[in-house]
Amino acid sequence: MVALQIENLHVSYGSIAALKGIDLEVEKGKIVALLGSNGAGKTTTLKTISGLIVPQSGSISVSGASIVGLNPAKINRLGVVQSPEGRQIFPEITVEENLRIGGFTLKTRAQLKSNFERVYGYFPVLKERKKQVAGTLSGGEQQMLAIARALMASPDILLLDEPSLGLAPLIVQDIFRILKEINQEGMTILIVEQNALQTLKISDYAYVLAVGKVSMEGAADELIKDKRLIEAYLGGNAS
């Protein structure tokens, strides 16, 4: 079953074309990677899915229903939730308060309590620091908080924008391990990353964007062996 489908999507910033007719499909329960260098159109794609940018043309469907033209809050309530680039946590309030904001669409206290238990299970360090002001967390802990805040909304599709950005390699490995665990429990994930190697290791399928177009796509375990991808994005040997 297709959870998210994009067809012939065009997006421009003024006279500059950011996306030039991309097609993308995310199957339910899979991790799909969107790779590429800076300026390729990765973040634009996520923002358009989330309703933050209105496309010039093309379609975006969630479980077969169009979401083009819907506002971000409505798209969020339909189960599409983004953890943005740069974390964008609320630094002046506590970890627990940040998470509570993530769960603002939940209808019952029981569901809110259940989601707190769930995200604390994935990220025990956040439970330890739940009364700590979020701005005092380390970079890795702030990224965990950003992902956990998105999970508090009980998404069907989790959009992740550069979750490894600026983090130490060991922290990156830890976060990617947790993402795989979340996926194995049924979460559909679309992940935008420059860290192609780590991302391909946990993904089922991948698309590579170059100047607003899909330049390559395929099963992640095949793309990770592709010499063109290795040379362009992995910097040499992928072993």
Foldseek 3Di string as FASTA:
>chain_A
DWFKWWFQWWAADVVATQAGTETDTFRFLFEEEEEEDPSLNQQVVLCQLLQVGATPDTFMDGVRHTPHPPHNVVSLLVFEFELDPPLPFDQAAFLQVSLVVLQPPDDDPVLLVVLVVVLCVLPVVCVVRRRPRLNPDDPLVSLSSSQSSPCSNVGQEYEYEASCPPHDPVSVLSVLVSVLVVSVVGHTYYYYHLQLLSSLVSGQKYFYGGSNYTPDIDGSVVVLPDPVCCVPRVVDDSD
